[in-house]
Amino acid sequence: MIIQRVVLNSRPGKNGVPVAENFRLEQSTIADTVQAGQVRVKTLYLSVDPYMRCRMNEDTGSDYLQPWQLSEVADGGGVGVVEESKHENLTKGDFVTSFTWPWQTVAILDGSVLQKLVPQLVNGRLSYFLGAAGITGLTALLGVREKGHVAVGANQTMVVSGAAGACGSLAGQIGRLEGCSRVVGIAGTDEKCSILVQEMGFDAAINYKKGNVAEQLRELCPGGVDVYFDNVGGDISDTVISQMNQNSHIILCGQISQYNKDVPYPPPLPPDIEKIQKERNITRERFLVLNYMDKHEASVLQLCQWIQEGKLKVRETMVEGLANIGAAFQSMMSGGNIGKQIVSVSK
């Protein structure tokens, strides 16, 4: 069977900025027959995520991420529909997902690595299983619960950097749902800031490209910052940390501003900021959602309930066509998107 797939065409280098040309669309073939335990699936949606930048390097710098290989098919979160099955738990027409879905139009996969989906849980929006009801939503929810130490009635202020991104836009809303009394987002355009406040219920949002971020934070968080959901690292995070309270908490989710730099993860703080962190007893621990597998099922059900009730607003940037996944990746890494970046492969 002839298919289309996307392979890693070149590496941007550890300090390079990814471009669409780092990926290549090509024709390939898969077997015409499905073996015992396997299923043939048609790809519907693919997820494009910041962590994938690490997989473009020969060494990801992580013990849980494998690098993509040159001229080999890339992979990540995906959703598809079963076309043929020889796996006892899956039948034709089932919707399924995997965290290691190959970037190709049709694939033959081991049925045991696939999770069956219930479309009704997300009001039929299957792409949500790659975002708000998937690993992105889990990262936001478990990050807040496991590392944020949010407590109802504690009058806590949360700040979210990268707040208009896939994870940040959910984290701020979840912080409010879990009990924060004030939520402030940091984003890169006036449009994003407006959406955070008017659509997603943030109390305020700062455009870090305009004005003095430190001054705006002092004005919007007069009582200081108790919880910081950190998606970006770098200068913005240094500014937030300098205004955090005693015994406050950093949820170390991502460091996207550092992903194109050859630095360890998590990147070390500047000496003056590290001194503030230690003196104020601010927690800053690496957070991996994969370490909380036992809580995934219940957490996904909670996310789906909030979606169904309209308490969790979801934004997606949808790109049509497998041929455009490289451009989608470039756009996502440049911070041009609002919400989750999804590539629609087949209808």
Foldseek 3Di string as FASTA:
>chain_A
DKWKFKAQAAAQPLQGAAFLVRIDIDIDDDDPDADAQKFKWFWFKAFFDLLLNLLSDCHSLDPVDHHGDHPDWAFAKTKTFTCCDNRPVDHGGWIWIAGGGTGMGMDMDRNVRIDTDDCVLQPNPVCCCVACLHPLVLLLQCLCVVFQPQAAPPQAEEEEELLQERNNVQNQLNSVVRHHPAYEYEAADPVSQCCSVPPSPHVGYHNVVDDDPLVVCCVRCVVFHQEYEDAADDPVVLSNLVRHAAAGEYRCRHHLVCRSDPARPPHDDPPVSVVSCVVSVYDDDHDDSVVPVVCSVVSSSVSSVCSVVVSGDADEDEAEASSCVSVLNSCVSVRNDGHTYMYGHDD
